[in-house]
C-alpha cells in the first residue's frame, strides 16, 4: 500500500492538535508513522501550520498520497504549487529561475493576504473591546444617574418630613403657649 500523508490527532477533548505525518496506508490513524512533517493547530485564527516544506515536497514527489485535509494544507502552504512548477522544469516547459520567480510571487501575495487577515482580526477584536467598554461606561453612567436621583428623592423626602415635623412642633408650641397664656389669664378673671 502506498504511503499516505495524513493528520495524527493529539490534544485534549474539544481541543484538537494535529501532527502531519507520513504513514503506511494500513496503519491506524494515531498509530505508527514513517516521518513527522509538521503540526497543524486549527484552534487559532488563522490556523497555525508548521511544516517541513522541503521534506513535504520530496514525499509528494515520491508519490505519497495526501488525505483531503492535508491536501488543502499543502496547497495553502504552497507545496503542491512547488511540485507543479518542478514538473514543468523537469519537462523543460519553464526554466528553474522562472519557476522560482513564480513561486516567490505567489508566496509574497499569500503572506500579504494572511497578514491582512491577521490585522483585520486584531482590529475587529480591538473595536469590539472598545465598543464593549463604551457600553459598560454608558450603563454605569445611567446606573449612577438613577442612584443619584433616588438619593436626591430620598433626601428631599427626608427634608420635607423634617420640615413638616418642625412645623408641627412649632404649631404645637404655639398652641401650648396660647393655652398656657389662656390658663394664666383665666384664673385671674375668676
N, C-alpha and C. Protein backbone atom coordinates (compact mmCIF):
# COMPACT_ATOMS: atom_id res chain seq x y z
N UNK A 1 0.83 -1.17 0.00
CA UNK A 1 0.00 0.00 0.00
C UNK A 1 0.88 1.24 0.00
N UNK A 2 0.49 2.31 -0.70
CA UNK A 2 1.36 3.49 -0.77
C UNK A 2 1.36 4.28 0.54
N UNK A 3 2.37 5.09 0.65
CA UNK A 3 2.47 5.97 1.82
C UNK A 3 1.40 7.06 1.73
N UNK A 4 0.88 7.43 2.89
CA UNK A 4 -0.13 8.48 2.95
C UNK A 4 0.39 9.61 3.82
N UNK A 5 0.08 10.83 3.42
CA UNK A 5 0.37 11.99 4.27
C UNK A 5 -0.97 12.35 4.91
N UNK A 6 -1.02 12.27 6.23
CA UNK A 6 -2.29 12.50 6.91
C UNK A 6 -2.08 13.13 8.27
N UNK A 7 -3.20 13.43 8.93
CA UNK A 7 -3.16 14.06 10.24
C UNK A 7 -3.24 13.00 11.33
N UNK A 8 -2.46 13.22 12.37
CA UNK A 8 -2.48 12.35 13.54
C UNK A 8 -2.95 13.21 14.72
N UNK A 9 -4.11 12.85 15.29
CA UNK A 9 -4.73 13.71 16.30
C UNK A 9 -4.04 13.60 17.64
N UNK A 10 -3.85 14.77 18.26
CA UNK A 10 -3.33 14.89 19.62
C UNK A 10 -4.17 15.95 20.31
N UNK A 11 -3.89 16.22 21.55
CA UNK A 11 -4.63 17.25 22.27
C UNK A 11 -5.76 16.67 23.09
N UNK A 12 -6.37 17.55 23.89
CA UNK A 12 -7.46 17.13 24.76
C UNK A 12 -8.78 17.07 24.03
N UNK A 13 -9.79 16.64 24.76
CA UNK A 13 -11.15 16.61 24.23
C UNK A 13 -11.58 18.03 23.89
N UNK A 14 -12.14 18.23 22.72
CA UNK A 14 -12.59 19.52 22.19
C UNK A 14 -11.46 20.52 21.99
N UNK A 15 -10.21 20.08 22.04
CA UNK A 15 -9.06 20.93 21.78
C UNK A 15 -8.08 20.18 20.88
N UNK A 16 -8.45 19.97 19.62
CA UNK A 16 -7.59 19.16 18.77
C UNK A 16 -6.29 19.86 18.39
N UNK A 17 -5.28 19.05 18.22
CA UNK A 17 -3.97 19.49 17.76
C UNK A 17 -3.45 18.33 16.93
N UNK A 18 -2.97 18.60 15.73
CA UNK A 18 -2.61 17.52 14.83
C UNK A 18 -1.13 17.55 14.46
N UNK A 19 -0.56 16.36 14.28
CA UNK A 19 0.75 16.21 13.68
C UNK A 19 0.51 15.79 12.23
N UNK A 20 1.25 16.39 11.30
CA UNK A 20 1.18 16.00 9.90
C UNK A 20 2.26 14.94 9.71
N UNK A 21 1.84 13.72 9.38
CA UNK A 21 2.79 12.61 9.31
C UNK A 21 2.67 11.87 7.98
N UNK A 22 3.75 11.18 7.64
CA UNK A 22 3.74 10.24 6.53
C UNK A 22 3.64 8.86 7.16
N UNK A 23 2.61 8.10 6.78
CA UNK A 23 2.39 6.79 7.37
C UNK A 23 2.00 5.80 6.29
N UNK A 24 2.16 4.54 6.59
CA UNK A 24 1.67 3.49 5.70
C UNK A 24 0.14 3.58 5.69
N UNK A 25 -0.46 3.37 4.56
CA UNK A 25 -1.92 3.47 4.43
C UNK A 25 -2.66 2.49 5.30
N UNK A 26 -2.02 1.40 5.69
CA UNK A 26 -2.68 0.37 6.50
C UNK A 26 -2.59 0.68 7.99
N UNK A 27 -1.72 1.60 8.39
CA UNK A 27 -1.53 1.92 9.82
C UNK A 27 -2.73 2.69 10.36
N UNK A 28 -3.05 2.49 11.64
CA UNK A 28 -4.17 3.23 12.22
C UNK A 28 -3.88 4.74 12.28
N UNK A 29 -4.95 5.50 12.46
CA UNK A 29 -4.84 6.95 12.39
C UNK A 29 -3.78 7.51 13.32
N UNK A 30 -3.80 7.10 14.58
CA UNK A 30 -2.84 7.61 15.55
C UNK A 30 -1.71 6.62 15.81
N UNK A 31 -1.53 5.68 14.90
CA UNK A 31 -0.53 4.62 15.11
C UNK A 31 0.84 4.98 14.57
N UNK A 32 1.51 3.94 14.08
CA UNK A 32 2.87 4.09 13.61
C UNK A 32 2.95 4.99 12.39
N UNK A 33 4.02 5.75 12.31
CA UNK A 33 4.23 6.60 11.14
C UNK A 33 5.68 6.53 10.71
N UNK A 34 5.93 6.95 9.49
CA UNK A 34 7.28 6.89 8.93
C UNK A 34 8.06 8.15 9.29
N UNK A 35 7.43 9.33 9.09
CA UNK A 35 8.12 10.58 9.35
C UNK A 35 7.10 11.65 9.71
N UNK A 36 7.47 12.50 10.65
CA UNK A 36 6.63 13.64 11.03
C UNK A 36 7.07 14.85 10.21
N UNK A 37 6.10 15.44 9.48
CA UNK A 37 6.41 16.58 8.61
C UNK A 37 6.12 17.92 9.26
N UNK A 38 5.22 17.95 10.25
CA UNK A 38 4.90 19.23 10.87
C UNK A 38 3.70 19.11 11.79
N UNK A 39 3.14 20.27 12.15
CA UNK A 39 2.00 20.33 13.04
C UNK A 39 0.93 21.25 12.46
N UNK A 40 -0.30 21.05 12.94
CA UNK A 40 -1.44 21.85 12.49
C UNK A 40 -2.34 22.11 13.69
N UNK A 41 -2.59 23.39 14.00
CA UNK A 41 -3.46 23.77 15.11
C UNK A 41 -4.64 24.55 14.56
N UNK A 42 -5.83 23.92 14.46
CA UNK A 42 -6.99 24.60 13.89
C UNK A 42 -7.68 25.56 14.84
N UNK A 43 -7.29 25.60 16.11
CA UNK A 43 -7.97 26.44 17.08
C UNK A 43 -7.58 27.92 16.98
N UNK A 44 -6.42 28.22 16.42
CA UNK A 44 -6.02 29.61 16.28
C UNK A 44 -6.67 30.19 15.05
N UNK A 45 -6.73 31.52 14.98
CA UNK A 45 -7.32 32.17 13.81
C UNK A 45 -6.34 33.18 13.26
N UNK A 46 -5.77 32.98 12.08
CA UNK A 46 -5.86 31.83 11.19
C UNK A 46 -5.12 30.63 11.77
N UNK A 47 -5.42 29.46 11.25
CA UNK A 47 -4.85 28.21 11.77
C UNK A 47 -3.32 28.26 11.70
N UNK A 48 -2.68 27.69 12.73
CA UNK A 48 -1.22 27.65 12.78
C UNK A 48 -0.74 26.37 12.11
N UNK A 49 0.12 26.53 11.11
CA UNK A 49 0.67 25.38 10.39
C UNK A 49 2.18 25.50 10.37
N UNK A 50 2.86 24.52 10.95
CA UNK A 50 4.32 24.42 10.88
C UNK A 50 4.62 23.20 10.03
N UNK A 51 5.39 23.40 8.95
CA UNK A 51 5.60 22.32 8.00
C UNK A 51 7.04 22.32 7.53
N UNK A 52 7.64 21.14 7.47
CA UNK A 52 8.96 20.99 6.86
C UNK A 52 8.73 20.96 5.35
N UNK A 53 8.87 22.12 4.73
CA UNK A 53 8.47 22.31 3.34
C UNK A 53 9.22 21.38 2.38
N UNK A 54 10.54 21.32 2.52
CA UNK A 54 11.35 20.52 1.59
C UNK A 54 11.02 19.03 1.67
N UNK A 55 10.85 18.52 2.90
CA UNK A 55 10.52 17.10 3.05
C UNK A 55 9.12 16.81 2.51
N UNK A 56 8.19 17.74 2.68
CA UNK A 56 6.84 17.54 2.16
C UNK A 56 6.86 17.48 0.64
N UNK A 57 7.63 18.38 0.00
CA UNK A 57 7.75 18.36 -1.47
C UNK A 57 8.36 17.04 -1.91
N UNK A 58 9.36 16.58 -1.18
CA UNK A 58 10.03 15.32 -1.53
C UNK A 58 9.06 14.13 -1.43
N UNK A 59 8.26 14.08 -0.37
CA UNK A 59 7.32 12.98 -0.23
C UNK A 59 6.24 13.02 -1.31
N UNK A 60 5.75 14.21 -1.64
CA UNK A 60 4.75 14.31 -2.71
C UNK A 60 5.37 13.89 -4.04
N UNK A 61 6.62 14.28 -4.26
CA UNK A 61 7.33 13.90 -5.48
C UNK A 61 7.49 12.38 -5.57
N UNK A 62 7.73 11.73 -4.43
CA UNK A 62 7.92 10.28 -4.41
C UNK A 62 6.62 9.50 -4.47
N UNK A 63 5.47 10.20 -4.45
CA UNK A 63 4.20 9.51 -4.66
C UNK A 63 3.34 9.32 -3.43
N UNK A 64 3.68 9.94 -2.32
CA UNK A 64 2.83 9.83 -1.13
C UNK A 64 1.52 10.56 -1.40
N UNK A 65 0.40 9.91 -1.07
CA UNK A 65 -0.92 10.48 -1.33
C UNK A 65 -1.41 11.22 -0.09
N UNK A 66 -1.67 12.52 -0.19
CA UNK A 66 -2.19 13.25 0.97
C UNK A 66 -3.69 13.01 1.14
N UNK A 67 -4.14 13.06 2.39
CA UNK A 67 -5.59 12.99 2.65
C UNK A 67 -6.20 14.32 2.20
N UNK A 68 -7.52 14.40 2.22
CA UNK A 68 -8.19 15.61 1.74
C UNK A 68 -7.79 16.85 2.54
N UNK A 69 -7.79 16.74 3.85
CA UNK A 69 -7.44 17.89 4.68
C UNK A 69 -5.97 18.26 4.50
N UNK A 70 -5.11 17.26 4.45
CA UNK A 70 -3.68 17.54 4.27
C UNK A 70 -3.43 18.11 2.88
N UNK A 71 -4.20 17.70 1.88
CA UNK A 71 -4.06 18.27 0.54
C UNK A 71 -4.34 19.78 0.59
N UNK A 72 -5.37 20.17 1.32
CA UNK A 72 -5.69 21.60 1.47
C UNK A 72 -4.57 22.34 2.20
N UNK A 73 -4.03 21.70 3.24
CA UNK A 73 -2.93 22.32 3.99
C UNK A 73 -1.71 22.48 3.10
N UNK A 74 -1.37 21.44 2.35
CA UNK A 74 -0.20 21.52 1.46
C UNK A 74 -0.41 22.57 0.37
N UNK A 75 -1.63 22.67 -0.12
CA UNK A 75 -1.94 23.70 -1.12
C UNK A 75 -1.81 25.09 -0.50
N UNK A 76 -2.28 25.25 0.72
CA UNK A 76 -2.23 26.52 1.43
C UNK A 76 -0.78 26.96 1.65
N UNK A 77 0.09 26.01 1.96
CA UNK A 77 1.49 26.34 2.20
C UNK A 77 2.32 26.40 0.92
N UNK A 78 1.78 25.96 -0.22
CA UNK A 78 2.49 26.07 -1.49
C UNK A 78 3.26 24.84 -1.92
N UNK A 79 3.11 23.73 -1.21
CA UNK A 79 3.84 22.50 -1.55
C UNK A 79 3.38 21.98 -2.91
N UNK A 80 2.07 21.96 -3.14
CA UNK A 80 1.55 21.43 -4.41
C UNK A 80 1.93 22.34 -5.58
N UNK A 81 1.94 23.65 -5.37
CA UNK A 81 2.37 24.58 -6.42
C UNK A 81 3.84 24.36 -6.75
N UNK A 82 4.66 24.18 -5.71
CA UNK A 82 6.09 23.95 -5.92
C UNK A 82 6.30 22.65 -6.72
N UNK A 83 5.54 21.62 -6.39
CA UNK A 83 5.65 20.35 -7.12
C UNK A 83 5.19 20.53 -8.57
N UNK A 84 4.13 21.28 -8.78
CA UNK A 84 3.64 21.54 -10.13
C UNK A 84 4.70 22.28 -10.96
N UNK A 85 5.33 23.27 -10.36
CA UNK A 85 6.37 24.01 -11.08
C UNK A 85 7.59 23.13 -11.34
N UNK A 86 7.91 22.24 -10.41
CA UNK A 86 9.05 21.32 -10.62
C UNK A 86 8.78 20.37 -11.78
N UNK A 87 7.54 19.92 -11.93
CA UNK A 87 7.20 19.05 -13.07
C UNK A 87 7.43 19.81 -14.37
N UNK A 88 7.04 21.09 -14.39
CA UNK A 88 7.27 21.92 -15.58
C UNK A 88 8.74 22.07 -15.89
N UNK A 89 9.56 22.22 -14.86
CA UNK A 89 11.01 22.34 -15.05
C UNK A 89 11.58 21.03 -15.58
N UNK A 90 11.12 19.90 -15.02
CA UNK A 90 11.62 18.59 -15.45
C UNK A 90 11.26 18.30 -16.90
N UNK A 91 10.08 18.77 -17.31
CA UNK A 91 9.65 18.56 -18.70
C UNK A 91 10.30 19.56 -19.65
N UNK A 92 10.90 20.61 -19.12
CA UNK A 92 11.53 21.61 -19.96
C UNK A 92 10.58 22.70 -20.42
N UNK A 93 9.40 22.78 -19.85
CA UNK A 93 8.43 23.80 -20.25
C UNK A 93 8.84 25.18 -19.75
N UNK A 94 9.43 25.23 -18.55
CA UNK A 94 9.90 26.51 -17.99
C UNK A 94 11.27 26.27 -17.37
N UNK A 95 11.99 27.36 -17.17
CA UNK A 95 13.31 27.25 -16.53
C UNK A 95 13.15 27.29 -15.01
N UNK A 96 14.19 26.87 -14.31
CA UNK A 96 14.17 26.86 -12.85
C UNK A 96 14.02 28.28 -12.30
N UNK A 97 14.67 29.26 -12.95
CA UNK A 97 14.57 30.65 -12.49
C UNK A 97 13.14 31.16 -12.60
N UNK A 98 12.47 30.85 -13.71
CA UNK A 98 11.08 31.27 -13.90
C UNK A 98 10.19 30.63 -12.84
N UNK A 99 10.43 29.36 -12.56
CA UNK A 99 9.64 28.65 -11.56
C UNK A 99 9.84 29.29 -10.19
N UNK A 100 11.10 29.63 -9.86
CA UNK A 100 11.38 30.26 -8.58
C UNK A 100 10.71 31.62 -8.47
N UNK A 101 10.75 32.40 -9.57
CA UNK A 101 10.13 33.73 -9.56
C UNK A 101 8.61 33.60 -9.36
N UNK A 102 7.97 32.68 -10.08
CA UNK A 102 6.53 32.49 -9.94
C UNK A 102 6.17 32.06 -8.52
N UNK A 103 6.95 31.14 -7.98
CA UNK A 103 6.66 30.66 -6.63
C UNK A 103 6.84 31.78 -5.60
N UNK A 104 7.91 32.57 -5.72
CA UNK A 104 8.14 33.66 -4.78
C UNK A 104 7.05 34.73 -4.86
N UNK A 105 6.58 35.03 -6.09
CA UNK A 105 5.49 35.99 -6.25
C UNK A 105 4.22 35.47 -5.55
N UNK A 106 3.93 34.20 -5.77
CA UNK A 106 2.75 33.60 -5.14
C UNK A 106 2.90 33.64 -3.62
N UNK A 107 4.09 33.31 -3.12
CA UNK A 107 4.35 33.26 -1.69
C UNK A 107 4.19 34.64 -1.06
N UNK A 108 4.69 35.68 -1.71
CA UNK A 108 4.56 37.05 -1.19
C UNK A 108 3.09 37.47 -1.15
N UNK A 109 2.36 37.16 -2.22
CA UNK A 109 0.93 37.50 -2.25
C UNK A 109 0.18 36.76 -1.13
N UNK A 110 0.52 35.51 -0.91
CA UNK A 110 -0.13 34.71 0.12
C UNK A 110 0.17 35.27 1.51
N UNK A 111 1.44 35.64 1.76
CA UNK A 111 1.81 36.20 3.05
C UNK A 111 1.11 37.53 3.29
N UNK A 112 0.99 38.34 2.24
CA UNK A 112 0.30 39.63 2.37
C UNK A 112 -1.17 39.40 2.74
N UNK A 113 -1.78 38.41 2.10
CA UNK A 113 -3.18 38.09 2.39
C UNK A 113 -3.35 37.61 3.83
N UNK A 114 -2.44 36.77 4.30
CA UNK A 114 -2.50 36.25 5.67
C UNK A 114 -2.30 37.39 6.67
N UNK A 115 -1.32 38.27 6.41
CA UNK A 115 -1.08 39.40 7.32
C UNK A 115 -2.26 40.35 7.35
N UNK A 116 -2.91 40.53 6.20
CA UNK A 116 -4.10 41.38 6.13
C UNK A 116 -5.21 40.78 6.99
N UNK A 117 -5.39 39.47 6.90
CA UNK A 117 -6.43 38.81 7.69
C UNK A 117 -6.12 38.95 9.17
N UNK A 118 -4.86 38.75 9.56
CA UNK A 118 -4.48 38.88 10.97
C UNK A 118 -4.75 40.29 11.48
N UNK A 119 -4.38 41.30 10.69
CA UNK A 119 -4.60 42.67 11.13
C UNK A 119 -6.09 42.99 11.22
N UNK A 120 -6.89 42.46 10.28
CA UNK A 120 -8.34 42.66 10.35
C UNK A 120 -8.92 42.03 11.61
N UNK A 121 -8.45 40.84 11.95
CA UNK A 121 -8.93 40.15 13.15
C UNK A 121 -8.55 40.95 14.40
N UNK A 122 -7.31 41.46 14.45
CA UNK A 122 -6.88 42.25 15.59
C UNK A 122 -7.68 43.54 15.70
N UNK A 123 -7.92 44.20 14.56
CA UNK A 123 -8.71 45.44 14.57
C UNK A 123 -10.14 45.17 15.03
N UNK A 124 -10.73 44.08 14.55
CA UNK A 124 -12.09 43.73 14.97
C UNK A 124 -12.14 43.47 16.47
N UNK A 125 -11.14 42.76 16.98
CA UNK A 125 -11.09 42.47 18.42
C UNK A 125 -10.94 43.77 19.21
N UNK A 126 -10.08 44.65 18.73
CA UNK A 126 -9.86 45.93 19.41
C UNK A 126 -11.14 46.76 19.40
N UNK A 127 -11.82 46.83 18.24
CA UNK A 127 -13.06 47.59 18.13
C UNK A 127 -14.16 46.99 19.01
N UNK A 128 -14.21 45.67 19.07
CA UNK A 128 -15.19 45.01 19.92
C UNK A 128 -14.95 45.34 21.39
N UNK A 129 -13.68 45.29 21.80
CA UNK A 129 -13.35 45.64 23.19
C UNK A 129 -13.73 47.09 23.48
N UNK A 130 -13.41 47.98 22.53
CA UNK A 130 -13.72 49.40 22.71
C UNK A 130 -15.23 49.62 22.82
N UNK A 131 -16.01 48.98 21.95
CA UNK A 131 -17.46 49.13 21.97
C UNK A 131 -18.03 48.57 23.28
N UNK A 132 -17.50 47.44 23.74
CA UNK A 132 -17.96 46.85 24.99
C UNK A 132 -17.65 47.78 26.17
N UNK A 133 -16.46 48.40 26.15
CA UNK A 133 -16.08 49.33 27.20
C UNK A 133 -16.99 50.56 27.20
N UNK A 134 -17.28 51.10 26.01
CA UNK A 134 -18.18 52.25 25.90
C UNK A 134 -19.57 51.89 26.42
N UNK A 135 -20.07 50.72 26.06
CA UNK A 135 -21.39 50.29 26.52
C UNK A 135 -21.40 50.15 28.04
N UNK A 136 -20.31 49.63 28.59
CA UNK A 136 -20.21 49.48 30.04
C UNK A 136 -20.18 50.85 30.72
N UNK A 137 -19.43 51.80 30.15
CA UNK A 137 -19.38 53.15 30.71
C UNK A 137 -20.77 53.79 30.69
N UNK A 138 -21.46 53.63 29.57
CA UNK A 138 -22.81 54.20 29.44
C UNK A 138 -23.75 53.59 30.47
N UNK A 139 -23.69 52.27 30.63
CA UNK A 139 -24.53 51.59 31.61
C UNK A 139 -24.20 52.07 33.02
N UNK A 140 -22.91 52.24 33.31
CA UNK A 140 -22.51 52.72 34.63
C UNK A 140 -23.01 54.14 34.87
N UNK A 141 -22.95 54.99 33.84
CA UNK A 141 -23.45 56.35 33.97
C UNK A 141 -24.96 56.37 34.24
N UNK A 142 -25.71 55.54 33.51
CA UNK A 142 -27.16 55.51 33.74
C UNK A 142 -27.48 54.98 35.13
N UNK A 143 -26.72 53.97 35.60
CA UNK A 143 -26.92 53.47 36.95
C UNK A 143 -26.59 54.53 37.98
N UNK A 144 -25.50 55.26 37.76
CA UNK A 144 -25.10 56.32 38.69
C UNK A 144 -26.15 57.42 38.71
N UNK A 145 -26.69 57.78 37.55
CA UNK A 145 -27.73 58.81 37.49
C UNK A 145 -28.99 58.33 38.22
N UNK A 146 -29.36 57.07 38.06
CA UNK A 146 -30.54 56.53 38.74
C UNK A 146 -30.33 56.52 40.25
N UNK A 147 -29.13 56.12 40.68
CA UNK A 147 -28.84 56.10 42.11
C UNK A 147 -28.85 57.52 42.67
N UNK A 148 -28.27 58.49 41.93
CA UNK A 148 -28.25 59.88 42.38
C UNK A 148 -29.67 60.43 42.48
N UNK A 149 -30.51 60.13 41.49
CA UNK A 149 -31.90 60.59 41.52
C UNK A 149 -32.63 59.98 42.70
N UNK A 150 -32.39 58.72 42.97
CA UNK A 150 -33.04 58.04 44.09
C UNK A 150 -32.58 58.66 45.42
N UNK A 151 -31.29 58.92 45.54
CA UNK A 151 -30.77 59.54 46.76
C UNK A 151 -31.32 60.95 46.93
N UNK A 152 -31.40 61.71 45.83
CA UNK A 152 -31.93 63.07 45.89
C UNK A 152 -33.40 63.04 46.32
N UNK A 153 -34.17 62.11 45.73
CA UNK A 153 -35.59 61.98 46.11
C UNK A 153 -35.71 61.61 47.59
N UNK A 154 -34.86 60.73 48.06
CA UNK A 154 -34.89 60.33 49.47
C UNK A 154 -34.50 61.51 50.35
N UNK A 155 -33.49 62.28 49.94
CA UNK A 155 -33.08 63.45 50.72
C UNK A 155 -34.19 64.49 50.75
N UNK A 156 -34.85 64.72 49.60
CA UNK A 156 -35.96 65.67 49.56
C UNK A 156 -37.11 65.22 50.44
N UNK A 157 -37.41 63.93 50.40
CA UNK A 157 -38.49 63.40 51.24
C UNK A 157 -38.13 63.54 52.71
N UNK A 158 -36.87 63.28 53.03
CA UNK A 158 -36.42 63.41 54.41
C UNK A 158 -36.47 64.87 54.85
N UNK A 159 -36.05 65.78 53.96
CA UNK A 159 -36.09 67.21 54.29
C UNK A 159 -37.54 67.67 54.46
N UNK A 160 -38.44 67.21 53.60
CA UNK A 160 -39.85 67.58 53.71
C UNK A 160 -40.44 67.03 55.01
N UNK A 161 -40.09 65.80 55.35
CA UNK A 161 -40.58 65.21 56.59
C UNK A 161 -40.04 65.98 57.79
N UNK A 162 -38.78 66.37 57.71
CA UNK A 162 -38.16 67.13 58.80
C UNK A 162 -38.84 68.50 58.94
N UNK A 163 -39.07 69.18 57.78
CA UNK A 163 -39.74 70.48 57.81
C UNK A 163 -41.16 70.35 58.35
N UNK A 164 -41.85 69.30 57.95
CA UNK A 164 -43.21 69.07 58.43
C UNK A 164 -43.22 68.81 59.93
N UNK A 165 -42.22 68.04 60.38
CA UNK A 165 -42.12 67.76 61.82
C UNK A 165 -41.81 69.04 62.57
N UNK A 166 -40.94 69.89 62.02
CA UNK A 166 -40.62 71.16 62.68
C UNK A 166 -41.85 72.06 62.71
N UNK A 167 -42.60 72.10 61.57
CA UNK A 167 -43.82 72.92 61.52
C UNK A 167 -44.85 72.42 62.53
N UNK A 168 -44.98 71.11 62.65
CA UNK A 168 -45.92 70.55 63.60
C UNK A 168 -45.48 70.87 65.02
N UNK A 169 -44.17 70.78 65.27
CA UNK A 169 -43.63 71.10 66.60
C UNK A 169 -43.85 72.57 66.91
N UNK A 170 -43.64 73.43 65.91
CA UNK A 170 -43.84 74.87 66.12
C UNK A 170 -45.31 75.15 66.38
N UNK A 171 -46.19 74.53 65.64
CA UNK A 171 -47.63 74.73 65.84
C UNK A 171 -48.04 74.23 67.22
N UNK A 172 -47.48 73.14 67.63
CA UNK A 172 -47.79 72.58 68.94
C UNK A 172 -47.29 73.51 70.04
N UNK A 173 -46.11 74.08 69.83
CA UNK A 173 -45.57 75.03 70.80
C UNK A 173 -46.46 76.26 70.90
N UNK A 174 -46.93 76.75 69.73
CA UNK A 174 -47.81 77.92 69.73
C UNK A 174 -49.12 77.60 70.46
N UNK A 175 -49.66 76.42 70.17
CA UNK A 175 -50.90 76.01 70.86
C UNK A 175 -50.66 75.88 72.36
N UNK A 176 -49.50 75.32 72.71
CA UNK A 176 -49.19 75.14 74.13
C UNK A 176 -49.01 76.50 74.80
N UNK A 177 -48.37 77.43 74.11
CA UNK A 177 -48.18 78.78 74.67
C UNK A 177 -49.51 79.50 74.77
N UNK A 178 -50.31 79.36 73.70
CA UNK A 178 -51.64 80.00 73.73
C UNK A 178 -52.49 79.46 74.86
N UNK A 179 -52.47 78.19 75.10
CA UNK A 179 -53.24 77.58 76.17
C UNK A 179 -52.69 78.00 77.53
N UNK A 180 -51.35 78.07 77.59
CA UNK A 180 -50.72 78.46 78.86
C UNK A 180 -51.09 79.90 79.20
N UNK A 181 -51.08 80.79 78.20
CA UNK A 181 -51.45 82.18 78.45
C UNK A 181 -52.94 82.27 78.76
N UNK A 182 -53.74 81.44 78.11
CA UNK A 182 -55.17 81.44 78.38
C UNK A 182 -55.45 80.94 79.78
N UNK A 183 -54.70 79.96 80.22
CA UNK A 183 -54.88 79.41 81.56
C UNK A 183 -54.43 80.43 82.61
N UNK A 184 -53.32 81.12 82.31
CA UNK A 184 -52.85 82.12 83.27
C UNK A 184 -53.81 83.31 83.33
N UNK A 185 -54.41 83.62 82.21
CA UNK A 185 -55.37 84.73 82.19
C UNK A 185 -56.70 84.30 82.80
N UNK A 186 -57.09 83.11 82.59
CA UNK A 186 -58.39 82.64 83.09
C UNK A 186 -58.47 82.65 84.63
N UNK A 187 -57.50 82.20 85.38
CA UNK A 187 -57.63 82.25 86.82
C UNK A 187 -57.65 83.70 87.34
N UNK A 188 -57.05 84.59 86.65
CA UNK A 188 -57.05 85.98 87.11
C UNK A 188 -58.45 86.56 87.00
N UNK A 189 -59.20 86.15 86.05
CA UNK A 189 -60.54 86.66 85.87
C UNK A 189 -61.50 86.04 86.88
N UNK A 190 -61.27 84.90 87.28
CA UNK A 190 -62.21 84.23 88.16
C UNK A 190 -62.12 84.72 89.53
